[in-house]
Amino acid sequence: MALFDKLSLPVISSAAAFIVSIILNIETAQAALYRFSFEGEGVNGYFTYDDTAIGTPDSPKSTLYFEGGYDYKFDLGEKGVFQGTVGNPIVFLPRQEDGLTSPDTDDFIWEVRANQRQPASEFALLNYFHYPKGTFGESTAIRTTVPSIAILDVYPNADFPNSIGNLLYTGTVQTRIERVFEPGLLPALLGVGAYFIFCRRQRQGKLIDIDRKDSGLVNF
């Protein structure tokens, strides 16, 4: 501890920040989890997914990231609550020029297939977040950013390929995406912080002992 006794608090703080930045850089190079959350009048929820999930193009305008999603919750108030631990993010760019009758939008979809639902169901759960055409460019890469406003459509009884089922909810919601730290990162950050706090307290304690000795307040 002799080295830390000689270091000033700013130096110790700088060293801590440097170590934390190294940990964060390592974390950035690995898989990252993102949480998509939404909130509207009487509704709210979220879903979490891995940005390194492997996508399977359904078409040039759609990519499915099968089982790339984890925990989710859609709280629609009186209309019901849907939650679970696995799902499939989908990026879809429906265009009327491709023969679709739906409006041209850029969609970020949270799909839960029948056998993925908890408990299992005979129907899939589909949640469409519609953004204006061109929001995603022409990319169907998994999203790490989205605009703050979307139209949410929820279909809880989709029966592919026969029917998309009934529209349970539609409305305007606020949306955002935030990065979620990996479970292994938090203990490392806490460990670094605790270590430097310990060193600081040790140093302060020794300085107090020195002051007491110099003032003659220490009993031998």
Protein backbone atom coordinates (compact mmCIF):
# COMPACT_ATOMS: atom_id res chain seq x y z
CA MET A 1 0.00 0.00 0.00
CA ALA A 2 3.03 2.32 0.14
CA LEU A 3 2.43 3.39 -3.44
CA PHE A 4 -1.17 4.42 -2.74
CA ASP A 5 -0.09 6.32 0.36
CA LYS A 6 1.88 8.62 -1.93
CA LEU A 7 -0.82 9.03 -4.59
CA SER A 8 -3.26 11.90 -4.57
CA LEU A 9 -6.98 11.27 -4.85
CA PRO A 10 -7.14 12.66 -8.43
CA VAL A 11 -4.41 10.23 -9.48
CA ILE A 12 -6.25 7.31 -7.88
CA SER A 13 -9.51 8.40 -9.53
CA SER A 14 -7.79 8.64 -12.90
CA ALA A 15 -6.35 5.16 -12.50
CA ALA A 16 -9.78 3.78 -11.59
CA ALA A 17 -11.36 5.45 -14.62
CA PHE A 18 -8.63 4.01 -16.85
CA ILE A 19 -9.21 0.45 -15.59
CA VAL A 20 -12.97 0.81 -15.97
CA SER A 21 -12.50 2.07 -19.55
CA ILE A 22 -10.43 -1.03 -20.33
CA ILE A 23 -13.21 -3.25 -19.00
CA LEU A 24 -15.79 -1.36 -21.04
CA ASN A 25 -13.70 -1.65 -24.19
CA ILE A 26 -13.40 -5.39 -23.69
CA GLU A 27 -17.15 -5.54 -23.15
CA THR A 28 -17.79 -3.58 -26.34
CA ALA A 29 -15.76 -6.05 -28.37
CA GLN A 30 -17.97 -8.90 -27.15
CA ALA A 31 -21.65 -9.57 -27.67
CA ALA A 32 -23.90 -6.82 -26.39
CA LEU A 33 -27.43 -7.00 -25.07
CA TYR A 34 -29.95 -4.30 -25.89
CA ARG A 35 -33.30 -3.55 -24.32
CA PHE A 36 -36.09 -2.09 -26.42
CA SER A 37 -38.69 -0.41 -24.23
CA PHE A 38 -41.95 1.35 -24.97
CA GLU A 39 -44.59 3.34 -23.12
CA GLY A 40 -47.95 4.73 -24.12
CA GLU A 41 -51.30 5.56 -22.62
CA GLY A 42 -52.09 2.60 -20.37
CA VAL A 43 -49.41 0.37 -21.93
CA ASN A 44 -45.72 -0.30 -21.43
CA GLY A 45 -43.15 -3.03 -21.84
CA TYR A 46 -39.81 -4.16 -23.15
CA PHE A 47 -37.86 -6.93 -24.83
CA THR A 48 -34.15 -7.79 -24.70
CA TYR A 49 -31.99 -9.16 -27.48
CA ASP A 50 -28.41 -9.92 -28.56
CA ASP A 51 -26.94 -7.69 -31.26
CA THR A 52 -24.80 -10.59 -32.54
CA ALA A 53 -27.81 -12.82 -33.22
CA ILE A 54 -27.53 -14.44 -36.64
CA GLY A 55 -30.21 -13.23 -39.03
CA THR A 56 -31.98 -15.30 -41.64
CA PRO A 57 -33.36 -13.26 -44.55
CA ASP A 58 -37.00 -14.11 -45.23
CA SER A 59 -36.81 -11.83 -48.26
CA PRO A 60 -34.66 -8.89 -49.41
CA LYS A 61 -36.86 -6.71 -47.19
CA SER A 62 -37.10 -8.89 -44.06
CA THR A 63 -34.62 -10.58 -41.68
CA LEU A 64 -35.56 -12.92 -38.84
CA TYR A 65 -33.23 -13.22 -35.81
CA PHE A 66 -34.53 -16.54 -34.51
CA GLU A 67 -34.22 -16.90 -30.73
CA GLY A 68 -32.03 -13.80 -30.68
CA GLY A 69 -34.32 -12.33 -28.02
CA TYR A 70 -34.63 -13.02 -24.32
CA ASP A 71 -36.95 -11.75 -21.62
CA TYR A 72 -39.91 -9.63 -22.61
CA LYS A 73 -43.05 -8.11 -21.17
CA PHE A 74 -45.96 -6.40 -22.91
CA ASP A 75 -48.36 -4.89 -20.39
CA LEU A 76 -51.48 -3.76 -22.21
CA GLY A 77 -53.45 -2.98 -19.08
CA GLU A 78 -56.99 -4.35 -19.20
CA LYS A 79 -56.24 -6.05 -22.52
CA GLY A 80 -53.73 -8.39 -20.91
CA VAL A 81 -50.08 -8.97 -20.09
CA PHE A 82 -47.78 -11.06 -22.27
CA GLN A 83 -44.36 -12.08 -21.00
CA GLY A 84 -41.72 -14.77 -21.32
CA THR A 85 -38.04 -15.53 -21.77
CA VAL A 86 -37.51 -16.12 -25.49
CA GLY A 87 -38.51 -14.39 -28.70
CA ASN A 88 -37.48 -13.45 -32.22
CA PRO A 89 -36.63 -9.90 -33.34
CA ILE A 90 -37.53 -9.20 -36.97
CA VAL A 91 -36.68 -6.19 -39.12
CA PHE A 92 -39.20 -5.80 -41.92
CA LEU A 93 -39.53 -3.16 -44.64
CA PRO A 94 -43.00 -3.70 -46.18
CA ARG A 95 -43.38 -2.03 -49.56
CA GLN A 96 -46.44 -1.85 -51.75
CA GLU A 97 -44.17 -2.11 -54.77
CA ASP A 98 -43.51 -5.69 -53.64
CA GLY A 99 -47.20 -6.50 -53.84
CA LEU A 100 -48.06 -5.87 -50.18
CA THR A 101 -51.27 -4.04 -49.36
CA SER A 102 -50.04 -2.66 -46.02
CA PRO A 103 -48.74 0.92 -45.79
CA ASP A 104 -45.04 1.50 -46.47
CA THR A 105 -43.31 1.52 -43.09
CA ASP A 106 -40.09 0.37 -41.46
CA ASP A 107 -40.98 -2.22 -38.83
CA PHE A 108 -39.17 -3.62 -35.83
CA ILE A 109 -41.12 -6.70 -34.80
CA TRP A 110 -41.09 -8.83 -31.68
CA GLU A 111 -42.35 -12.32 -32.56
CA VAL A 112 -43.00 -15.16 -30.13
CA ARG A 113 -43.94 -18.38 -31.84
CA ALA A 114 -46.60 -20.70 -30.49
CA ASN A 115 -44.13 -23.18 -28.99
CA GLN A 116 -42.04 -20.36 -27.52
CA ARG A 117 -44.86 -18.84 -25.52
CA GLN A 118 -45.11 -19.50 -21.79
CA PRO A 119 -47.27 -21.45 -21.39
CA ALA A 120 -47.16 -22.86 -24.91
CA SER A 121 -50.03 -21.81 -27.15
CA GLU A 122 -51.52 -22.75 -30.48
CA PHE A 123 -51.02 -19.14 -31.59
CA ALA A 124 -48.02 -16.88 -32.12
CA LEU A 125 -47.69 -13.42 -30.57
CA LEU A 126 -46.77 -10.60 -32.97
CA ASN A 127 -45.89 -7.05 -31.94
CA TYR A 128 -45.25 -4.56 -34.73
CA PHE A 129 -43.50 -1.26 -34.06
CA HIS A 130 -44.13 0.83 -37.17
CA TYR A 131 -41.77 3.67 -38.05
CA PRO A 132 -41.92 5.99 -41.09
CA LYS A 133 -40.63 4.64 -44.38
CA GLY A 134 -36.89 5.22 -44.75
CA THR A 135 -36.17 5.24 -41.01
CA PHE A 136 -33.92 2.19 -41.35
CA GLY A 137 -32.67 3.07 -44.81
CA GLU A 138 -32.68 -0.16 -46.80
CA SER A 139 -31.07 -2.16 -43.98
CA THR A 140 -32.67 -5.10 -42.20
CA ALA A 141 -29.80 -5.32 -39.69
CA ILE A 142 -30.92 -5.75 -36.09
CA ARG A 143 -31.66 -2.39 -34.53
CA THR A 144 -29.56 -0.64 -31.90
CA THR A 145 -31.34 2.72 -32.35
CA VAL A 146 -34.89 3.73 -33.19
CA PRO A 147 -36.87 6.99 -33.29
CA SER A 148 -38.73 8.02 -30.16
CA ILE A 149 -42.24 7.51 -31.59
CA ALA A 150 -43.84 4.43 -33.14
CA ILE A 151 -47.25 2.92 -33.83
CA LEU A 152 -47.60 -0.36 -31.94
CA ASP A 153 -49.89 -3.13 -33.27
CA VAL A 154 -50.33 -6.27 -31.16
CA TYR A 155 -51.65 -9.54 -32.59
CA PRO A 156 -51.81 -12.23 -29.87
CA ASN A 157 -53.48 -14.96 -31.97
CA ALA A 158 -51.47 -15.24 -35.17
CA ASP A 159 -51.95 -18.53 -36.98
CA PHE A 160 -49.31 -18.75 -39.68
CA PRO A 161 -49.64 -19.04 -42.58
CA ASN A 162 -53.41 -18.92 -42.39
CA SER A 163 -54.11 -15.70 -40.54
CA ILE A 164 -52.44 -12.93 -38.58
CA GLY A 165 -55.38 -13.04 -36.17
CA ASN A 166 -57.19 -10.24 -34.40
CA LEU A 167 -55.66 -6.86 -33.68
CA LEU A 168 -55.81 -6.59 -29.89
CA TYR A 169 -54.16 -3.20 -29.52
CA THR A 170 -53.01 -0.32 -31.69
CA GLY A 171 -51.71 3.02 -30.54
CA THR A 172 -48.87 5.52 -30.45
CA VAL A 173 -46.01 4.72 -28.07
CA GLN A 174 -42.69 6.23 -27.11
CA THR A 175 -39.78 3.90 -27.83
CA ARG A 176 -36.10 3.71 -27.03
CA ILE A 177 -33.22 1.24 -27.09
CA GLU A 178 -30.62 1.03 -24.33
CA ARG A 179 -27.58 -1.17 -23.98
CA VAL A 180 -27.69 -3.62 -21.08
CA PHE A 181 -24.42 -4.52 -19.36
CA GLU A 182 -23.47 -8.18 -19.44
CA PRO A 183 -24.00 -9.97 -16.09
CA GLY A 184 -20.24 -10.50 -15.66
CA LEU A 185 -19.39 -6.83 -16.04
CA LEU A 186 -21.07 -5.41 -12.96
CA PRO A 187 -19.03 -7.42 -10.40
CA ALA A 188 -15.85 -6.31 -12.16
CA LEU A 189 -16.86 -2.65 -11.99
CA LEU A 190 -17.91 -3.00 -8.37
CA GLY A 191 -14.63 -4.73 -7.55
CA VAL A 192 -12.57 -1.94 -9.09
CA GLY A 193 -14.56 0.70 -7.25
CA ALA A 194 -14.35 -1.12 -3.91
CA TYR A 195 -10.61 -1.61 -4.28
CA PHE A 196 -9.88 2.04 -4.83
CA ILE A 197 -12.24 3.10 -2.04
CA PHE A 198 -10.40 0.70 0.28
CA CYS A 199 -7.04 2.15 -0.75
CA ARG A 200 -8.30 5.67 -0.18
CA ARG A 201 -9.60 4.84 3.29
CA GLN A 202 -6.37 3.11 4.20
CA ARG A 203 -4.44 6.17 3.14
CA GLN A 204 -6.74 8.53 5.05
CA GLY A 205 -6.50 6.31 8.14
CA LYS A 206 -2.71 6.42 8.10
CA LEU A 207 -2.71 10.19 7.69
CA ILE A 208 -4.99 10.49 10.73
CA ASP A 209 -2.63 8.27 12.76
CA ILE A 210 0.31 10.44 11.75
CA ASP A 211 -1.55 13.60 12.77
CA ARG A 212 -2.44 12.09 16.12
CA LYS A 213 1.15 11.09 16.76
CA ASP A 214 2.41 14.54 15.84
CA SER A 215 -0.11 16.14 18.20
CA GLY A 216 0.72 13.79 21.06
CA LEU A 217 -2.76 12.28 21.20
CA VAL A 218 -1.62 8.67 20.77
CA ASN A 219 -1.17 6.58 23.92
CA PHE A 220 1.74 4.14 23.81
